[in-house]
Amino acid sequence: MNVNRKKIMKNFIEIIEGIADEEYQKRIWIRGEGPECDDFTETVCHFFDDGDPILKKYRDFGITENQYIVLKKFRKAFEAFHHENYWEPDSIDSPEWTRITEMAKEVLISLKGGDLKQPSPPLKNDLDRKC
């Protein structure tokens, strides 16, 4: 089977860009102003459906060990947010969601080849959670 890993990574990065962009979330997820058609639930589904296979074979997708660590840390935090807080429109203004958007920005910097100046602090129970 011919897998277009570049296209898969491009789509995955676009998902993370949506998680990192609070203006996009307010415009699309909350106000539904389009032209995009997206919401938090779709984003969660796409992130894990697309991301988990990438994480399993990250080297096949050109992801370095350092990028993998940043991405895996983000995945844990995003999953915890989803399970512990779920999504209500007012969640977008919570400190927990702000932390998720900041971590998503770190992932984007890492995946696009930038340097992380100051990674976010670990989540409570970060070391206890399993992916």
N, C-alpha and C. Protein backbone atom coordinates (compact mmCIF):
# COMPACT_ATOMS: atom_id res chain seq x y z
N MET A 1 0.84 -1.17 0.00
CA MET A 1 0.00 0.00 0.00
C MET A 1 0.90 1.25 0.00
N ASN A 2 0.59 2.19 -0.86
CA ASN A 2 1.35 3.42 -0.98
C ASN A 2 0.76 4.47 -0.04
N VAL A 3 1.49 4.80 1.01
CA VAL A 3 1.02 5.75 2.00
C VAL A 3 1.72 7.09 1.76
N ASN A 4 0.94 8.14 1.63
CA ASN A 4 1.51 9.47 1.44
C ASN A 4 1.73 10.11 2.81
N ARG A 5 2.89 9.85 3.40
CA ARG A 5 3.19 10.31 4.75
C ARG A 5 3.25 11.83 4.83
N LYS A 6 3.70 12.49 3.77
CA LYS A 6 3.75 13.96 3.77
C LYS A 6 2.35 14.54 3.91
N LYS A 7 1.40 13.98 3.18
CA LYS A 7 0.03 14.47 3.25
C LYS A 7 -0.58 14.18 4.62
N ILE A 8 -0.30 13.01 5.15
CA ILE A 8 -0.80 12.65 6.48
C ILE A 8 -0.25 13.62 7.52
N MET A 9 1.05 13.92 7.46
CA MET A 9 1.66 14.86 8.40
C MET A 9 1.10 16.27 8.21
N LYS A 10 0.88 16.67 6.97
CA LYS A 10 0.31 18.00 6.71
C LYS A 10 -1.06 18.12 7.37
N ASN A 11 -1.89 17.10 7.20
CA ASN A 11 -3.22 17.11 7.82
C ASN A 11 -3.12 17.12 9.34
N PHE A 12 -2.20 16.35 9.88
CA PHE A 12 -2.02 16.27 11.33
C PHE A 12 -1.56 17.63 11.89
N ILE A 13 -0.64 18.26 11.19
CA ILE A 13 -0.17 19.58 11.62
C ILE A 13 -1.31 20.59 11.57
N GLU A 14 -2.18 20.50 10.58
CA GLU A 14 -3.34 21.40 10.51
C GLU A 14 -4.27 21.21 11.70
N ILE A 15 -4.42 19.99 12.16
CA ILE A 15 -5.23 19.73 13.35
C ILE A 15 -4.61 20.42 14.56
N ILE A 16 -3.30 20.27 14.72
CA ILE A 16 -2.61 20.89 15.84
C ILE A 16 -2.67 22.42 15.74
N GLU A 17 -2.59 22.95 14.51
CA GLU A 17 -2.72 24.39 14.33
C GLU A 17 -4.07 24.89 14.84
N GLY A 18 -5.14 24.13 14.60
CA GLY A 18 -6.46 24.50 15.11
C GLY A 18 -6.51 24.49 16.62
N ILE A 19 -5.81 23.54 17.23
CA ILE A 19 -5.76 23.47 18.70
C ILE A 19 -4.95 24.63 19.26
N ALA A 20 -3.97 25.10 18.53
CA ALA A 20 -3.11 26.18 19.00
C ALA A 20 -3.71 27.56 18.80
N ASP A 21 -4.72 27.68 17.97
CA ASP A 21 -5.24 28.99 17.54
C ASP A 21 -6.58 29.32 18.22
N GLU A 22 -6.52 30.12 19.27
CA GLU A 22 -7.74 30.46 20.02
C GLU A 22 -8.72 31.29 19.19
N GLU A 23 -8.24 32.12 18.30
CA GLU A 23 -9.15 32.90 17.45
C GLU A 23 -9.92 31.98 16.51
N TYR A 24 -9.23 30.99 15.95
CA TYR A 24 -9.90 29.99 15.11
C TYR A 24 -10.98 29.28 15.92
N GLN A 25 -10.66 28.87 17.13
CA GLN A 25 -11.62 28.16 17.98
C GLN A 25 -12.84 29.01 18.26
N LYS A 26 -12.63 30.27 18.59
CA LYS A 26 -13.77 31.16 18.87
C LYS A 26 -14.62 31.36 17.62
N ARG A 27 -13.95 31.57 16.48
CA ARG A 27 -14.66 31.83 15.23
C ARG A 27 -15.40 30.59 14.72
N ILE A 28 -14.76 29.44 14.77
CA ILE A 28 -15.33 28.23 14.18
C ILE A 28 -16.07 27.37 15.21
N TRP A 29 -15.40 27.02 16.29
CA TRP A 29 -16.00 26.11 17.26
C TRP A 29 -17.16 26.74 18.02
N ILE A 30 -17.02 28.02 18.36
CA ILE A 30 -18.04 28.66 19.21
C ILE A 30 -19.07 29.42 18.38
N ARG A 31 -18.60 30.31 17.48
CA ARG A 31 -19.54 31.13 16.72
C ARG A 31 -19.99 30.48 15.41
N GLY A 32 -19.29 29.45 14.95
CA GLY A 32 -19.66 28.75 13.72
C GLY A 32 -19.66 29.64 12.48
N GLU A 33 -18.67 30.52 12.38
CA GLU A 33 -18.65 31.52 11.30
C GLU A 33 -17.96 31.04 10.02
N GLY A 34 -17.44 29.86 9.98
CA GLY A 34 -16.86 29.33 8.75
C GLY A 34 -15.87 30.24 8.06
N PRO A 35 -15.41 29.92 6.88
CA PRO A 35 -15.99 28.91 6.00
C PRO A 35 -15.69 27.48 6.43
N GLU A 36 -14.76 27.29 7.35
CA GLU A 36 -14.46 25.94 7.83
C GLU A 36 -15.65 25.37 8.60
N CYS A 37 -15.73 24.06 8.59
CA CYS A 37 -16.75 23.37 9.38
C CYS A 37 -16.01 22.42 10.31
N ASP A 38 -15.95 22.79 11.58
CA ASP A 38 -15.14 22.05 12.53
C ASP A 38 -15.70 22.31 13.93
N ASP A 39 -15.39 21.42 14.86
CA ASP A 39 -15.73 21.67 16.25
C ASP A 39 -14.75 20.89 17.12
N PHE A 40 -14.86 21.08 18.43
CA PHE A 40 -13.93 20.44 19.34
C PHE A 40 -13.98 18.92 19.23
N THR A 41 -15.17 18.36 19.16
CA THR A 41 -15.29 16.90 19.10
C THR A 41 -14.62 16.34 17.86
N GLU A 42 -14.83 16.98 16.71
CA GLU A 42 -14.16 16.53 15.49
C GLU A 42 -12.65 16.63 15.62
N THR A 43 -12.19 17.72 16.23
CA THR A 43 -10.76 17.92 16.40
C THR A 43 -10.17 16.82 17.26
N VAL A 44 -10.84 16.48 18.36
CA VAL A 44 -10.37 15.40 19.23
C VAL A 44 -10.29 14.09 18.45
N CYS A 45 -11.35 13.77 17.74
CA CYS A 45 -11.37 12.51 16.97
C CYS A 45 -10.26 12.48 15.93
N HIS A 46 -10.11 13.56 15.17
CA HIS A 46 -9.06 13.60 14.14
C HIS A 46 -7.67 13.55 14.76
N PHE A 47 -7.48 14.27 15.87
CA PHE A 47 -6.15 14.27 16.50
C PHE A 47 -5.73 12.86 16.89
N PHE A 48 -6.60 12.13 17.57
CA PHE A 48 -6.22 10.80 18.02
C PHE A 48 -6.26 9.78 16.89
N ASP A 49 -7.24 9.87 15.99
CA ASP A 49 -7.31 8.93 14.87
C ASP A 49 -6.11 9.07 13.93
N ASP A 50 -5.70 10.31 13.68
CA ASP A 50 -4.55 10.54 12.80
C ASP A 50 -3.23 10.44 13.56
N GLY A 51 -3.24 10.96 14.79
CA GLY A 51 -1.99 11.08 15.54
C GLY A 51 -1.46 9.78 16.12
N ASP A 52 -2.33 8.93 16.61
CA ASP A 52 -1.84 7.71 17.25
C ASP A 52 -1.06 6.81 16.30
N PRO A 53 -1.53 6.60 15.06
CA PRO A 53 -0.70 5.81 14.14
C PRO A 53 0.64 6.50 13.81
N ILE A 54 0.63 7.83 13.78
CA ILE A 54 1.87 8.57 13.55
C ILE A 54 2.83 8.35 14.72
N LEU A 55 2.32 8.45 15.93
CA LEU A 55 3.16 8.24 17.11
C LEU A 55 3.73 6.82 17.16
N LYS A 56 2.95 5.84 16.74
CA LYS A 56 3.42 4.45 16.76
C LYS A 56 4.60 4.23 15.82
N LYS A 57 4.59 4.95 14.70
CA LYS A 57 5.65 4.78 13.71
C LYS A 57 6.27 6.14 13.38
N TYR A 58 6.55 6.91 14.42
CA TYR A 58 6.98 8.30 14.22
C TYR A 58 8.21 8.44 13.34
N ARG A 59 9.13 7.52 13.40
CA ARG A 59 10.33 7.63 12.56
C ARG A 59 9.98 7.53 11.07
N ASP A 60 8.97 6.73 10.77
CA ASP A 60 8.52 6.60 9.38
C ASP A 60 7.96 7.91 8.83
N PHE A 61 7.55 8.80 9.74
CA PHE A 61 6.98 10.09 9.34
C PHE A 61 8.00 11.22 9.45
N GLY A 62 9.26 10.87 9.66
CA GLY A 62 10.32 11.87 9.72
C GLY A 62 10.36 12.65 11.02
N ILE A 63 9.75 12.11 12.04
CA ILE A 63 9.73 12.79 13.35
C ILE A 63 10.94 12.33 14.15
N THR A 64 11.68 13.30 14.68
CA THR A 64 12.86 12.98 15.47
C THR A 64 12.47 12.55 16.88
N GLU A 65 13.41 12.03 17.61
CA GLU A 65 13.17 11.62 19.00
C GLU A 65 12.70 12.80 19.85
N ASN A 66 13.35 13.96 19.69
CA ASN A 66 12.95 15.15 20.46
C ASN A 66 11.53 15.61 20.10
N GLN A 67 11.22 15.61 18.82
CA GLN A 67 9.88 15.99 18.38
C GLN A 67 8.85 15.00 18.93
N TYR A 68 9.21 13.73 18.92
CA TYR A 68 8.33 12.69 19.46
C TYR A 68 8.02 12.94 20.93
N ILE A 69 9.03 13.30 21.71
CA ILE A 69 8.84 13.55 23.14
C ILE A 69 7.88 14.72 23.36
N VAL A 70 8.06 15.80 22.59
CA VAL A 70 7.17 16.97 22.71
C VAL A 70 5.76 16.60 22.30
N LEU A 71 5.62 15.86 21.23
CA LEU A 71 4.31 15.45 20.74
C LEU A 71 3.62 14.50 21.72
N LYS A 72 4.36 13.56 22.26
CA LYS A 72 3.79 12.60 23.22
C LYS A 72 3.32 13.32 24.49
N LYS A 73 4.11 14.29 24.96
CA LYS A 73 3.73 15.07 26.14
C LYS A 73 2.43 15.83 25.87
N PHE A 74 2.33 16.42 24.67
CA PHE A 74 1.12 17.13 24.30
C PHE A 74 -0.07 16.18 24.23
N ARG A 75 0.13 15.02 23.64
CA ARG A 75 -0.95 14.04 23.52
C ARG A 75 -1.51 13.70 24.89
N LYS A 76 -0.63 13.46 25.86
CA LYS A 76 -1.06 13.14 27.22
C LYS A 76 -1.89 14.28 27.82
N ALA A 77 -1.41 15.50 27.65
CA ALA A 77 -2.12 16.66 28.21
C ALA A 77 -3.47 16.85 27.53
N PHE A 78 -3.52 16.71 26.22
CA PHE A 78 -4.76 16.87 25.47
C PHE A 78 -5.78 15.80 25.86
N GLU A 79 -5.31 14.59 25.99
CA GLU A 79 -6.19 13.49 26.40
C GLU A 79 -6.73 13.74 27.82
N ALA A 80 -5.86 14.18 28.72
CA ALA A 80 -6.30 14.46 30.09
C ALA A 80 -7.35 15.57 30.11
N PHE A 81 -7.11 16.63 29.33
CA PHE A 81 -8.09 17.72 29.27
C PHE A 81 -9.43 17.18 28.77
N HIS A 82 -9.38 16.42 27.72
CA HIS A 82 -10.61 15.88 27.12
C HIS A 82 -11.38 15.01 28.12
N HIS A 83 -10.66 14.16 28.85
CA HIS A 83 -11.34 13.25 29.78
C HIS A 83 -11.75 13.93 31.09
N GLU A 84 -10.95 14.84 31.58
CA GLU A 84 -11.23 15.45 32.88
C GLU A 84 -12.16 16.66 32.80
N ASN A 85 -12.06 17.43 31.74
CA ASN A 85 -12.85 18.65 31.64
C ASN A 85 -13.89 18.59 30.54
N TYR A 86 -13.68 17.70 29.63
CA TYR A 86 -14.44 17.65 28.40
C TYR A 86 -14.53 19.06 27.80
N TRP A 87 -15.50 19.32 26.99
CA TRP A 87 -15.55 20.61 26.30
C TRP A 87 -16.88 21.29 26.50
N GLU A 88 -16.81 22.44 27.02
CA GLU A 88 -17.93 23.37 27.07
C GLU A 88 -17.39 24.67 26.47
N PRO A 89 -18.22 25.44 25.81
CA PRO A 89 -17.71 26.66 25.18
C PRO A 89 -16.92 27.58 26.12
N ASP A 90 -17.28 27.60 27.40
CA ASP A 90 -16.53 28.46 28.31
C ASP A 90 -15.17 27.87 28.69
N SER A 91 -14.92 26.62 28.31
CA SER A 91 -13.61 26.01 28.57
C SER A 91 -12.49 26.72 27.83
N ILE A 92 -12.84 27.40 26.75
CA ILE A 92 -11.84 28.08 25.94
C ILE A 92 -11.12 29.17 26.73
N ASP A 93 -11.75 29.66 27.79
CA ASP A 93 -11.14 30.70 28.62
C ASP A 93 -10.50 30.15 29.89
N SER A 94 -10.45 28.84 30.03
CA SER A 94 -9.89 28.25 31.25
C SER A 94 -8.36 28.21 31.18
N PRO A 95 -7.70 28.25 32.34
CA PRO A 95 -6.24 28.12 32.36
C PRO A 95 -5.77 26.78 31.79
N GLU A 96 -6.57 25.74 31.99
CA GLU A 96 -6.21 24.42 31.46
C GLU A 96 -6.18 24.43 29.94
N TRP A 97 -7.18 25.09 29.34
CA TRP A 97 -7.20 25.14 27.87
C TRP A 97 -6.09 26.04 27.34
N THR A 98 -5.82 27.12 28.05
CA THR A 98 -4.71 28.00 27.64
C THR A 98 -3.41 27.20 27.62
N ARG A 99 -3.23 26.36 28.60
CA ARG A 99 -2.02 25.51 28.65
C ARG A 99 -1.97 24.56 27.46
N ILE A 100 -3.12 24.00 27.10
CA ILE A 100 -3.18 23.10 25.93
C ILE A 100 -2.80 23.86 24.67
N THR A 101 -3.34 25.06 24.49
CA THR A 101 -3.01 25.82 23.27
C THR A 101 -1.52 26.18 23.24
N GLU A 102 -0.95 26.50 24.40
CA GLU A 102 0.49 26.81 24.45
C GLU A 102 1.33 25.58 24.12
N MET A 103 0.92 24.45 24.64
CA MET A 103 1.63 23.20 24.33
C MET A 103 1.52 22.86 22.84
N ALA A 104 0.35 23.11 22.25
CA ALA A 104 0.17 22.87 20.81
C ALA A 104 1.12 23.75 20.01
N LYS A 105 1.29 24.99 20.46
CA LYS A 105 2.25 25.89 19.78
C LYS A 105 3.66 25.34 19.88
N GLU A 106 4.01 24.76 21.03
CA GLU A 106 5.33 24.15 21.20
C GLU A 106 5.51 22.98 20.24
N VAL A 107 4.47 22.19 20.07
CA VAL A 107 4.53 21.06 19.14
C VAL A 107 4.77 21.58 17.72
N LEU A 108 4.05 22.62 17.34
CA LEU A 108 4.21 23.19 16.00
C LEU A 108 5.63 23.71 15.79
N ILE A 109 6.15 24.40 16.77
CA ILE A 109 7.53 24.90 16.68
C ILE A 109 8.49 23.73 16.49
N SER A 110 8.29 22.70 17.28
CA SER A 110 9.16 21.54 17.21
C SER A 110 9.06 20.83 15.86
N LEU A 111 7.83 20.60 15.40
CA LEU A 111 7.64 19.87 14.14
C LEU A 111 8.11 20.68 12.93
N LYS A 112 8.05 22.00 13.05
CA LYS A 112 8.48 22.85 11.94
C LYS A 112 9.96 23.20 12.03
N GLY A 113 10.67 22.58 12.97
CA GLY A 113 12.12 22.71 13.03
C GLY A 113 12.64 23.84 13.88
N GLY A 114 11.79 24.46 14.69
CA GLY A 114 12.25 25.54 15.56
C GLY A 114 12.78 25.01 16.87
N ASP A 115 13.30 25.90 17.65
CA ASP A 115 13.80 25.54 18.97
C ASP A 115 12.77 25.92 20.03
N LEU A 116 12.62 25.06 21.00
CA LEU A 116 11.75 25.37 22.12
C LEU A 116 12.57 26.15 23.14
N LYS A 117 12.17 27.37 23.39
CA LYS A 117 12.91 28.19 24.34
C LYS A 117 12.60 27.79 25.78
N GLN A 118 11.34 27.56 26.08
CA GLN A 118 10.96 27.19 27.42
C GLN A 118 9.75 26.27 27.36
N PRO A 119 9.97 24.97 27.42
CA PRO A 119 8.84 24.05 27.37
C PRO A 119 7.91 24.25 28.56
N SER A 120 6.65 23.92 28.37
CA SER A 120 5.69 24.07 29.45
C SER A 120 6.01 23.10 30.57
N PRO A 121 5.62 23.45 31.80
CA PRO A 121 5.88 22.56 32.93
C PRO A 121 5.06 21.28 32.81
N PRO A 122 5.52 20.21 33.45
CA PRO A 122 4.77 18.96 33.35
C PRO A 122 3.41 19.06 34.00
N LEU A 123 2.47 18.29 33.48
CA LEU A 123 1.14 18.21 34.06
C LEU A 123 1.21 17.45 35.37
N LYS A 124 0.25 17.72 36.25
CA LYS A 124 0.14 16.87 37.43
C LYS A 124 -0.10 15.45 36.93
N ASN A 125 0.50 14.52 37.53
CA ASN A 125 0.38 13.12 37.15
C ASN A 125 0.92 12.82 35.76
N ASP A 126 1.72 13.72 35.20
CA ASP A 126 2.26 13.52 33.86
C ASP A 126 3.00 12.18 33.76
N LEU A 127 3.74 11.88 34.80
CA LEU A 127 4.53 10.67 34.76
C LEU A 127 3.69 9.42 35.04
N ASP A 128 2.53 9.61 35.66
CA ASP A 128 1.69 8.46 36.00
C ASP A 128 0.81 8.01 34.85
N ARG A 129 0.50 8.92 33.95
CA ARG A 129 -0.42 8.61 32.85
C ARG A 129 0.27 7.76 31.80
N LYS A 130 -0.51 6.89 31.20
CA LYS A 130 -0.01 6.09 30.08
C LYS A 130 -0.77 6.47 28.85
N CYS A 131 -0.08 6.49 27.73
CA CYS A 131 -0.73 6.79 26.46
C CYS A 131 -1.37 5.56 25.89
